[in-house]
Amino acid sequence: MSRTVAVIGGGYGGAAVAKALESEADVVLIDPRDAFVNAAGSLRAVTRPDWAGNMFFPFETLLTKGTVVRDRAASVDPDGVTLASGERVAADYVVLATGSSYTYPAKPVSDSISAAMDDLRRTHKELRQADKVLILGAGPVGLELAGEIKEVWPDKHVTIVDPAQELLSGFQPEVVEDLHGQLDARGVEVRLGTSLAAFPNTEPGQADAFTVTTTDGEEITADIWFRAYGVRTNSGYLADGRLTTLNSRGQVPVTEFLNVEGYDNVYAVGDITDVAEAKMAGYAMQHAEVVAKNITAQLNGEPPTATYQPLPHPMILLPLGPNGGVGQLPSPEGPFVAPASMVSEFKGADLFTGRFIGQFGPTA
């Protein structure tokens, strides 16, 4: 008798779990979107809308045996999922994989490929008109956005503002030094240790000249601005407490097997877990491998044995356009500083498009 695995969320972790298990069980993937979205490509899509189609992998080609339900989870218990529509998906195993939300354009906000593409084209049109760009947030998203803008429009003036005192805190000094050098070479102005006294009087992503003042009294004039901070865990459907108690970040407590604490048939992967590590796509996909192995073992009447331990040092591949960027990767000897050529080869050149085509099938 076949058993059902309900996977809530079709992002990096959820899509990988669903794909890995669809030959082992009746997989039901629950997501309001019509496609897996490689959000790593979103910033490039804003500067090159002709490239944007590479981001979207329709669920209908991702899952050839499983079932896709376009809906949102409203509540979860150990026996299944209640949907926003009121429908019920009974399940023997449940995987929480709803990830996190992030300020547009780092992650598309629309649920359909066509609407998301329209959003990206509209933002591109606004950005194209602007000569001076202000980015609030000097984390990986803000830095990548600056790199993509400079790749397409090297003459645009890009300023990044962040209250942090340093870039990429916690990474090797060589990585940070290399990053500063590449930003300087591209003419990206980085103002650290300050923020804005008040937000611009225009909406993010809309071209219209404005002047703002920083908290240290400096004025910045620009034609468009973007917010590059603000992660929110997508766990509102768990707020009723029927399954578990969330931490202060809205995350779910998990064991080393990535079970939700207290349950041997409920798992969580990616940003929604309380695993003490940066919330990155690569980690979510590693979580997915562990969960797929453990559920497969259980389906075969065996105990789960795959475990997950976060890396001792942070890891990053941070492209600045297709050919630049910095990286830090794990190695037996400790953190390995990746040169720009390696960052380009592993991520920057195609932003993992080839990898996902191999795993999930063709793009939109």
Protein backbone atom coordinates (compact mmCIF):
# COMPACT_ATOMS: atom_id res chain seq x y z
CA MET A 1 0.00 0.00 0.00
CA SER A 2 1.51 3.30 -1.12
CA ARG A 3 1.96 6.05 1.42
CA THR A 4 1.56 9.78 0.97
CA VAL A 5 4.22 12.44 1.52
CA ALA A 6 2.90 15.99 1.67
CA VAL A 7 5.58 18.58 0.91
CA ILE A 8 4.57 22.13 1.80
CA GLY A 9 6.53 24.57 -0.34
CA GLY A 10 8.20 24.10 -3.70
CA GLY A 11 11.36 26.14 -3.19
CA TYR A 12 14.92 24.88 -3.16
CA GLY A 13 14.43 22.34 -0.37
CA GLY A 14 10.84 21.33 -0.99
CA ALA A 15 11.23 20.83 -4.73
CA ALA A 16 14.30 18.67 -4.16
CA VAL A 17 12.50 16.50 -1.57
CA ALA A 18 9.46 16.08 -3.83
CA LYS A 19 11.60 15.16 -6.83
CA ALA A 20 13.66 12.65 -4.83
CA LEU A 21 10.62 10.89 -3.33
CA GLU A 22 8.12 10.83 -6.20
CA SER A 23 9.25 7.34 -7.20
CA GLU A 24 9.07 6.10 -3.60
CA ALA A 25 5.64 7.35 -2.50
CA ASP A 26 2.57 9.34 -3.49
CA VAL A 27 4.04 12.85 -3.32
CA VAL A 28 1.73 15.85 -3.00
CA LEU A 29 3.54 19.17 -3.44
CA ILE A 30 1.61 22.14 -2.07
CA ASP A 31 2.54 25.58 -3.36
CA PRO A 32 0.53 28.59 -4.61
CA ARG A 33 2.97 29.15 -7.50
CA ASP A 34 3.00 27.42 -10.86
CA ALA A 35 6.76 26.88 -10.92
CA PHE A 36 9.90 26.35 -8.93
CA VAL A 37 11.68 29.71 -8.85
CA ASN A 38 15.47 29.91 -8.85
CA ALA A 39 15.49 33.15 -6.88
CA ALA A 40 19.27 33.36 -7.25
CA GLY A 41 18.58 34.65 -10.77
CA SER A 42 16.10 37.36 -9.79
CA LEU A 43 18.60 40.22 -9.57
CA ARG A 44 20.03 39.40 -12.99
CA ALA A 45 16.53 39.16 -14.38
CA VAL A 46 15.85 42.76 -13.30
CA THR A 47 18.84 44.01 -15.29
CA ARG A 48 18.38 41.55 -18.19
CA PRO A 49 14.71 40.64 -18.61
CA ASP A 50 15.60 38.61 -21.71
CA TRP A 51 17.35 36.24 -19.30
CA ALA A 52 14.47 36.03 -16.81
CA GLY A 53 12.90 32.90 -18.30
CA ASN A 54 15.86 30.90 -16.98
CA MET A 55 14.54 31.38 -13.42
CA PHE A 56 11.31 29.42 -13.70
CA PHE A 57 10.91 25.63 -13.78
CA PRO A 58 7.22 24.66 -14.18
CA PHE A 59 6.05 22.17 -11.57
CA GLU A 60 4.31 20.18 -14.30
CA THR A 61 7.73 19.24 -15.72
CA LEU A 62 9.40 19.00 -12.30
CA LEU A 63 7.09 16.26 -11.04
CA THR A 64 6.12 13.59 -13.56
CA LYS A 65 4.59 11.21 -11.00
CA GLY A 66 3.66 13.40 -8.07
CA THR A 67 0.68 15.71 -7.65
CA VAL A 68 0.92 19.50 -7.43
CA VAL A 69 -1.75 21.39 -5.49
CA ARG A 70 -1.75 25.16 -6.10
CA ASP A 71 -2.82 26.36 -2.69
CA ARG A 72 -1.42 27.54 0.62
CA ALA A 73 -1.23 25.63 3.87
CA ALA A 74 -3.53 27.05 6.56
CA SER A 75 -2.71 24.55 9.31
CA VAL A 76 -0.62 21.41 9.79
CA ASP A 77 -0.88 18.46 12.17
CA PRO A 78 0.95 15.10 12.21
CA ASP A 79 -1.71 13.53 9.98
CA GLY A 80 -1.75 16.08 7.16
CA VAL A 81 -2.37 19.58 5.93
CA THR A 82 -5.45 21.80 5.91
CA LEU A 83 -5.36 24.17 2.94
CA ALA A 84 -6.48 27.78 2.67
CA SER A 85 -9.27 26.58 0.38
CA GLY A 86 -10.58 24.36 3.16
CA GLU A 87 -9.48 21.15 1.47
CA ARG A 88 -7.57 18.54 3.44
CA VAL A 89 -4.48 16.59 2.34
CA ALA A 90 -4.05 13.52 4.52
CA ALA A 91 -0.47 12.32 4.70
CA ASP A 92 1.73 9.69 6.31
CA TYR A 93 4.71 12.05 6.17
CA VAL A 94 4.77 15.84 6.13
CA VAL A 95 7.71 18.01 5.07
CA LEU A 96 7.70 21.73 5.97
CA ALA A 97 9.61 23.61 3.28
CA THR A 98 7.99 27.02 3.01
CA GLY A 99 11.25 28.94 3.30
CA SER A 100 11.27 32.69 3.74
CA SER A 101 10.15 35.86 2.03
CA TYR A 102 12.49 38.64 1.00
CA THR A 103 12.03 42.13 -0.32
CA TYR A 104 11.42 42.30 -4.09
CA PRO A 105 13.28 42.08 -6.46
CA ALA A 106 15.49 39.55 -4.62
CA LYS A 107 12.50 37.21 -4.65
CA PRO A 108 9.52 37.55 -7.01
CA VAL A 109 6.21 38.25 -5.29
CA SER A 110 3.78 37.00 -7.95
CA ASP A 111 2.57 33.40 -7.98
CA SER A 112 2.56 32.86 -11.75
CA ILE A 113 5.44 32.89 -14.22
CA SER A 114 3.70 35.41 -16.46
CA ALA A 115 2.95 37.87 -13.65
CA ALA A 116 6.45 37.57 -12.20
CA MET A 117 7.95 38.23 -15.64
CA ASP A 118 5.73 41.31 -16.01
CA ASP A 119 6.98 42.59 -12.63
CA LEU A 120 10.61 42.11 -13.64
CA ARG A 121 10.14 43.86 -17.00
CA ARG A 122 8.40 46.77 -15.30
CA THR A 123 11.20 47.18 -12.76
CA HIS A 124 13.80 46.92 -15.52
CA LYS A 125 12.13 49.75 -17.40
CA GLU A 126 12.26 51.95 -14.28
CA LEU A 127 15.89 51.04 -13.55
CA ARG A 128 16.95 51.69 -17.11
CA GLN A 129 15.82 55.32 -16.79
CA ALA A 130 17.87 55.98 -13.64
CA ASP A 131 21.40 57.39 -13.61
CA LYS A 132 21.94 57.12 -9.85
CA VAL A 133 20.91 54.05 -7.84
CA LEU A 134 20.66 53.78 -4.06
CA ILE A 135 20.68 50.33 -2.44
CA LEU A 136 19.83 49.99 1.25
CA GLY A 137 21.62 46.94 2.60
CA ALA A 138 25.19 45.75 2.04
CA GLY A 139 24.54 42.06 2.57
CA PRO A 140 24.87 39.53 -0.26
CA VAL A 141 21.62 40.68 -1.91
CA GLY A 142 22.57 44.35 -2.05
CA LEU A 143 26.09 43.54 -3.24
CA GLU A 144 24.86 41.17 -5.96
CA LEU A 145 22.31 43.72 -7.15
CA ALA A 146 25.06 46.36 -7.41
CA GLY A 147 27.21 43.94 -9.41
CA GLU A 148 24.41 43.08 -11.85
CA ILE A 149 23.57 46.77 -12.39
CA LYS A 150 27.20 47.64 -13.05
CA GLU A 151 27.57 44.73 -15.47
CA VAL A 152 24.78 46.04 -17.72
CA TRP A 153 25.17 49.78 -17.08
CA PRO A 154 28.77 50.50 -15.99
CA ASP A 155 28.15 54.27 -16.11
CA LYS A 156 25.31 54.25 -13.57
CA HIS A 157 26.36 55.52 -10.14
CA VAL A 158 25.52 52.95 -7.47
CA THR A 159 25.64 53.74 -3.75
CA ILE A 160 25.12 51.12 -1.03
CA VAL A 161 24.27 52.19 2.53
CA ASP A 162 24.32 49.93 5.57
CA PRO A 163 24.59 50.54 9.34
CA ALA A 164 27.00 47.59 9.66
CA GLN A 165 30.61 48.53 10.29
CA GLU A 166 32.06 45.96 7.85
CA LEU A 167 31.15 43.86 4.85
CA LEU A 168 30.61 40.11 5.25
CA SER A 169 31.27 40.00 8.97
CA GLY A 170 32.62 36.60 10.04
CA PHE A 171 34.27 35.75 6.73
CA GLN A 172 37.99 35.50 6.08
CA PRO A 173 39.80 38.88 5.83
CA GLU A 174 41.04 37.97 2.33
CA VAL A 175 37.44 37.57 1.15
CA VAL A 176 36.45 40.97 2.51
CA GLU A 177 39.55 42.66 1.07
CA ASP A 178 38.92 41.13 -2.35
CA LEU A 179 35.29 42.24 -2.21
CA HIS A 180 36.23 45.84 -1.44
CA GLY A 181 38.71 45.81 -4.31
CA GLN A 182 36.19 44.52 -6.83
CA LEU A 183 33.55 47.01 -5.72
CA ASP A 184 36.05 49.87 -6.01
CA ALA A 185 37.07 48.69 -9.49
CA ARG A 186 33.42 48.79 -10.58
CA GLY A 187 32.88 52.24 -9.09
CA VAL A 188 30.38 51.08 -6.48
CA GLU A 189 30.28 53.49 -3.52
CA VAL A 190 29.81 51.73 -0.17
CA ARG A 191 28.85 53.75 2.93
CA LEU A 192 29.04 51.65 6.09
CA GLY A 193 28.20 52.58 9.65
CA THR A 194 25.28 54.79 8.67
CA SER A 195 21.64 54.62 7.61
CA LEU A 196 18.98 56.98 6.32
CA ALA A 197 17.33 59.50 8.61
CA ALA A 198 14.14 58.88 6.60
CA PHE A 199 13.22 56.74 3.61
CA PRO A 200 12.93 58.35 0.15
CA ASN A 201 9.50 59.76 -0.69
CA THR A 202 9.25 57.38 -3.65
CA GLU A 203 8.41 53.68 -3.68
CA PRO A 204 11.27 51.19 -4.11
CA GLY A 205 11.93 50.34 -7.74
CA GLN A 206 10.26 53.48 -9.13
CA ALA A 207 12.34 56.02 -11.04
CA ASP A 208 11.96 59.52 -9.63
CA ALA A 209 14.74 61.84 -8.42
CA PHE A 210 15.07 62.31 -4.65
CA THR A 211 17.55 63.45 -2.01
CA VAL A 212 17.93 61.77 1.37
CA THR A 213 20.09 62.44 4.40
CA THR A 214 22.09 59.82 6.28
CA THR A 215 22.21 59.63 10.06
CA ASP A 216 25.72 61.13 9.95
CA GLY A 217 24.43 64.17 8.08
CA GLU A 218 25.52 63.38 4.50
CA GLU A 219 23.13 63.91 1.57
CA ILE A 220 22.60 61.34 -1.16
CA THR A 221 20.84 62.15 -4.42
CA ALA A 222 19.54 59.29 -6.55
CA ASP A 223 16.88 58.44 -9.14
CA ILE A 224 15.77 55.04 -7.85
CA TRP A 225 16.23 52.94 -4.72
CA PHE A 226 15.94 49.35 -3.62
CA ARG A 227 15.63 47.72 -0.21
CA ALA A 228 18.03 44.79 0.15
CA TYR A 229 17.23 43.49 3.61
CA GLY A 230 14.28 42.04 5.49
CA VAL A 231 14.01 38.23 5.67
CA ARG A 232 10.70 36.86 7.01
CA THR A 233 10.20 33.18 7.76
CA ASN A 234 7.09 31.80 6.03
CA SER A 235 5.58 29.96 8.98
CA GLY A 236 2.31 31.75 9.68
CA TYR A 237 0.35 28.56 9.00
CA LEU A 238 2.00 27.04 12.11
CA ALA A 239 0.99 29.90 14.41
CA ASP A 240 -2.05 27.96 15.69
CA GLY A 241 0.34 25.68 17.61
CA ARG A 242 -1.34 22.47 16.46
CA LEU A 243 2.01 21.05 15.40
CA THR A 244 4.81 22.83 17.23
CA THR A 245 5.97 26.00 18.93
CA LEU A 246 7.96 28.48 16.84
CA ASN A 247 11.01 30.36 18.06
CA SER A 248 11.27 34.15 18.04
CA ARG A 249 12.26 34.10 14.35
CA GLY A 250 9.24 32.01 13.40
CA GLN A 251 11.40 28.92 12.92
CA VAL A 252 10.69 25.28 13.74
CA PRO A 253 12.79 23.24 16.22
CA VAL A 254 14.34 20.22 14.49
CA THR A 255 16.48 17.24 15.49
CA GLU A 256 19.74 16.16 13.87
CA PHE A 257 17.60 13.97 11.57
CA LEU A 258 15.65 17.14 10.59
CA ASN A 259 12.48 15.83 12.20
CA VAL A 260 10.30 18.46 13.77
CA GLU A 261 10.91 17.84 17.47
CA GLY A 262 8.39 15.39 18.87
CA TYR A 263 7.46 13.68 15.59
CA ASP A 264 9.09 10.89 13.60
CA ASN A 265 6.93 11.49 10.50
CA VAL A 266 7.19 15.29 10.21
CA TYR A 267 10.31 16.94 8.82
CA ALA A 268 11.46 20.47 8.00
CA VAL A 269 14.07 21.78 5.58
CA GLY A 270 15.59 25.13 4.66
CA ASP A 271 14.93 28.55 6.12
CA ILE A 272 12.05 27.42 8.33
CA THR A 273 14.34 25.24 10.49
CA ASP A 274 16.10 26.50 13.60
CA VAL A 275 19.43 25.07 12.41
CA ALA A 276 22.11 27.55 13.46
CA GLU A 277 23.48 28.56 10.07
CA ALA A 278 22.93 31.20 7.39
CA LYS A 279 19.73 30.64 5.44
CA MET A 280 20.96 29.77 1.95
CA ALA A 281 19.66 27.72 -0.97
CA GLY A 282 22.66 25.39 -0.85
CA TYR A 283 21.96 24.42 2.74
CA ALA A 284 18.26 23.87 2.02
CA MET A 285 19.17 21.41 -0.72
CA GLN A 286 21.54 19.58 1.63
CA HIS A 287 18.67 19.37 4.14
CA ALA A 288 16.53 17.90 1.36
CA GLU A 289 19.01 15.09 0.75
CA VAL A 290 18.94 14.13 4.44
CA VAL A 291 15.15 14.18 4.63
CA ALA A 292 14.71 12.20 1.40
CA LYS A 293 17.08 9.50 2.70
CA ASN A 294 15.31 9.30 6.05
CA ILE A 295 11.78 9.10 4.63
CA THR A 296 12.92 6.51 2.08
CA ALA A 297 14.37 4.42 4.91
CA GLN A 298 11.12 4.67 6.87
CA LEU A 299 9.07 3.74 3.80
CA ASN A 300 11.21 0.60 3.60
CA GLY A 301 10.65 -0.24 7.25
CA GLU A 302 14.09 0.90 8.37
CA PRO A 303 15.06 3.50 10.96
CA PRO A 304 16.28 6.90 9.67
CA THR A 305 20.03 7.31 9.98
CA ALA A 306 20.94 10.38 7.89
CA THR A 307 21.84 13.39 10.03
CA TYR A 308 22.65 17.03 9.35
CA GLN A 309 25.29 19.13 11.04
CA PRO A 310 25.96 22.75 10.06
CA LEU A 311 29.41 23.62 8.81
CA PRO A 312 31.87 25.07 11.34
CA HIS A 313 32.61 28.07 9.12
CA PRO A 314 30.25 30.16 6.95
CA MET A 315 30.15 29.48 3.23
CA ILE A 316 29.28 31.85 0.42
CA LEU A 317 29.43 32.28 -3.34
CA LEU A 318 28.71 35.94 -4.01
CA PRO A 319 28.76 36.91 -7.70
CA LEU A 320 29.26 40.48 -8.84
CA GLY A 321 27.88 39.94 -12.32
CA PRO A 322 28.71 36.85 -14.39
CA ASN A 323 32.49 37.23 -14.17
CA GLY A 324 33.26 38.71 -10.77
CA GLY A 325 32.60 38.00 -7.13
CA VAL A 326 34.05 36.45 -4.00
CA GLY A 327 33.63 33.13 -2.27
CA GLN A 328 34.45 31.10 0.80
CA LEU A 329 34.07 27.33 0.68
CA PRO A 330 34.65 24.54 3.20
CA SER A 331 37.74 22.35 3.01
CA PRO A 332 39.44 19.86 5.37
CA GLU A 333 42.08 22.48 6.17
CA GLY A 334 39.55 25.18 7.00
CA PRO A 335 37.83 27.96 5.01
CA PHE A 336 38.98 28.11 1.37
CA VAL A 337 38.98 31.54 -0.28
CA ALA A 338 37.57 31.15 -3.79
CA PRO A 339 38.85 33.47 -6.55
CA ALA A 340 36.47 35.33 -8.86
CA SER A 341 37.07 32.78 -11.63
CA MET A 342 35.79 29.97 -9.41
CA VAL A 343 32.78 32.01 -8.24
CA SER A 344 31.93 32.61 -11.90
CA GLU A 345 32.35 28.96 -12.84
CA PHE A 346 30.30 27.58 -9.95
CA LYS A 347 27.57 30.22 -9.78
CA GLY A 348 28.00 33.61 -11.46
CA ALA A 349 28.05 32.52 -15.11
CA ASP A 350 24.57 30.95 -15.11
CA LEU A 351 23.36 31.28 -11.47
CA PHE A 352 22.85 27.50 -11.22
CA THR A 353 20.54 27.34 -14.26
CA GLY A 354 22.37 24.33 -15.72
CA ARG A 355 22.27 22.50 -12.41
CA PHE A 356 18.52 22.94 -12.06
CA ILE A 357 17.83 21.96 -15.67
CA GLY A 358 19.63 18.69 -14.92
CA GLN A 359 17.67 18.19 -11.71
CA PHE A 360 14.25 19.61 -12.51
CA GLY A 361 13.91 19.64 -16.28
CA PRO A 362 13.54 22.54 -18.74
CA THR A 363 12.84 26.15 -17.78
CA ALA A 364 9.73 28.07 -18.73
